[in-house]
Amino acid sequence: MDYLSSAQKSNINEIKQFAPYIKTDIEAVKHALSYSWSNGIVEGNVNYLKVIKRQM
């Protein structure tokens, strides 16, 4: 994971702070980048239902 070690050495503070969070769940990140499917449609529907619930 060369990109994570270089991210931790970055001059950009936000990237330095984000890199440890990526390392904590690196397996999920690897799977997210290697598979072509997504649950974006489901998440969109859940978000829509939460908006409706808040309006009630």
Protein backbone atom coordinates (compact mmCIF):
# COMPACT_ATOMS: atom_id res chain seq x y z
CA MET A 1 0.00 0.00 0.00
CA ASP A 2 2.42 2.61 -1.21
CA TYR A 3 -0.31 5.18 -1.74
CA LEU A 4 -1.37 5.03 1.92
CA SER A 5 2.15 5.54 3.20
CA SER A 6 2.65 8.44 0.80
CA ALA A 7 -0.73 9.87 1.87
CA GLN A 8 0.41 9.89 5.49
CA LYS A 9 3.53 11.81 4.47
CA SER A 10 1.52 14.32 2.43
CA ASN A 11 1.61 18.05 3.07
CA ILE A 12 -2.18 18.17 2.83
CA ASN A 13 -3.56 17.83 6.35
CA GLU A 14 -6.93 16.36 5.31
CA ILE A 15 -5.25 13.52 3.42
CA LYS A 16 -2.99 12.78 6.38
CA GLN A 17 -6.00 12.53 8.66
CA PHE A 18 -8.01 10.38 6.24
CA ALA A 19 -5.34 7.72 5.58
CA PRO A 20 -5.57 6.00 9.01
CA TYR A 21 -9.33 5.56 8.57
CA ILE A 22 -8.72 3.80 5.26
CA LYS A 23 -6.24 1.47 6.95
CA THR A 24 -8.73 0.45 9.63
CA ASP A 25 -11.02 -1.19 7.06
CA ILE A 26 -8.63 -1.90 4.19
CA GLU A 27 -10.41 -5.12 3.17
CA ALA A 28 -13.66 -3.23 2.51
CA VAL A 29 -11.77 -0.64 0.48
CA LYS A 30 -10.10 -3.37 -1.61
CA HIS A 31 -13.45 -5.02 -2.30
CA ALA A 32 -15.09 -1.71 -3.17
CA LEU A 33 -12.40 -1.03 -5.75
CA SER A 34 -12.29 -4.54 -7.23
CA TYR A 35 -15.99 -5.32 -7.76
CA SER A 36 -18.16 -3.66 -10.37
CA TRP A 37 -21.49 -3.82 -8.52
CA SER A 38 -22.79 -1.13 -6.20
CA ASN A 39 -25.61 -0.65 -3.71
CA GLY A 40 -26.09 2.98 -4.71
CA ILE A 41 -29.69 2.48 -5.85
CA VAL A 42 -30.64 0.91 -2.52
CA GLU A 43 -28.92 3.69 -0.59
CA GLY A 44 -30.78 6.27 -2.67
CA ASN A 45 -34.12 4.66 -1.85
CA VAL A 46 -33.28 4.51 1.86
CA ASN A 47 -32.30 8.18 1.80
CA TYR A 48 -35.58 9.05 0.08
CA LEU A 49 -37.58 7.16 2.72
CA LYS A 50 -35.71 8.94 5.53
CA VAL A 51 -36.58 12.31 3.96
CA ILE A 52 -40.25 11.36 3.86
CA LYS A 53 -40.09 10.15 7.48
CA ARG A 54 -38.54 13.45 8.62
CA GLN A 55 -41.31 15.41 6.90
CA MET A 56 -44.05 13.54 8.78
